[in-house]
Amino acid sequence: MKYYAKKGQMDFGESIGVIMLDTFTPFIPGDVGNANTFSFPVRYEKVEGLTVQKMMKEDDLYYESLLEAGNKLARHGVKAITGDCGYMAIFQEKLVDDLKIPVFLTSLLQLHFLKHLIGKKEKIGVITANSNLLDQRLLQTIGIDESFPIVIKGLEKEKHFHDFAIKESGFLYKQKVEEEVVHVAEKFVTEHPSMKMILLECSMLPPYAKALQDKVKLPVYDYASMINYVQSGLVQSVY
């Protein structure tokens, strides 16, 4: 096999690139922002100054910064690009058109697949960081309309989650956040008996997926499941 160098590329083997918002939060194992989450190398690129609040304004100035981050990752050889915030959905359509490699910015893209795994009268529960931001306008940017079989629950009122993920206190108590996420999920399932699976929208939630699943006994999908799926297609295993 013949290998070729790429001008300007100094490291190789990173198939997945992750565009990071400018946040002040710890990324623990399981979080998309922690490289130990994955069994393969990933490459990160932060968009300086781009916060969730600024991103939601859909300003072209911020989009250009996002696009530059994507182009930089592509120049370093990644084969596909994701993000570290589900609300990046608002830029999915534009970025996938402007970059020349696959783009999957938000875990919500999995809804298009998951809806075919359940019956017509069944639901997918979406647990999100802030339900006030995950509105129909945002969902429509990735083709999720009102006919989709989803119900949504936010974590914005949970003290420990709010402090580290929304307020950005700079620290988190993993056990406390886990207790909040599991409690919300239990209540969510009780409120919606037709719910057959759960999608965790936020990239900070995969660390709690196992504890959540152990309690509610349902399939759970998240950012990690999406990234692992895309990676499996980019780099096939030898059997």
Foldseek 3Di string as FASTA:
>chain_A
DDDDDAPPADDDFAQEEEEEEPAQFDQDQQFPPDQNVDPGGHHYDYQPPGDPVNVLVVDVVSVVSVLVSVVVRVSNPHQEYEYQAQLCLLCQVVNCVVDPHHYDHWLCLCLVVVQVVADQPAAEEEEEADVVSPDQVSVVSNPDHPSRRYDYDHDCPQVQSVVCPPVNVNYGDVVSVLVSVLVRLVVVCVVGVRYAEYEYTGSRPRVNQVVNCVRPVHHYHYPSNVVVVVVCVVDPDDD
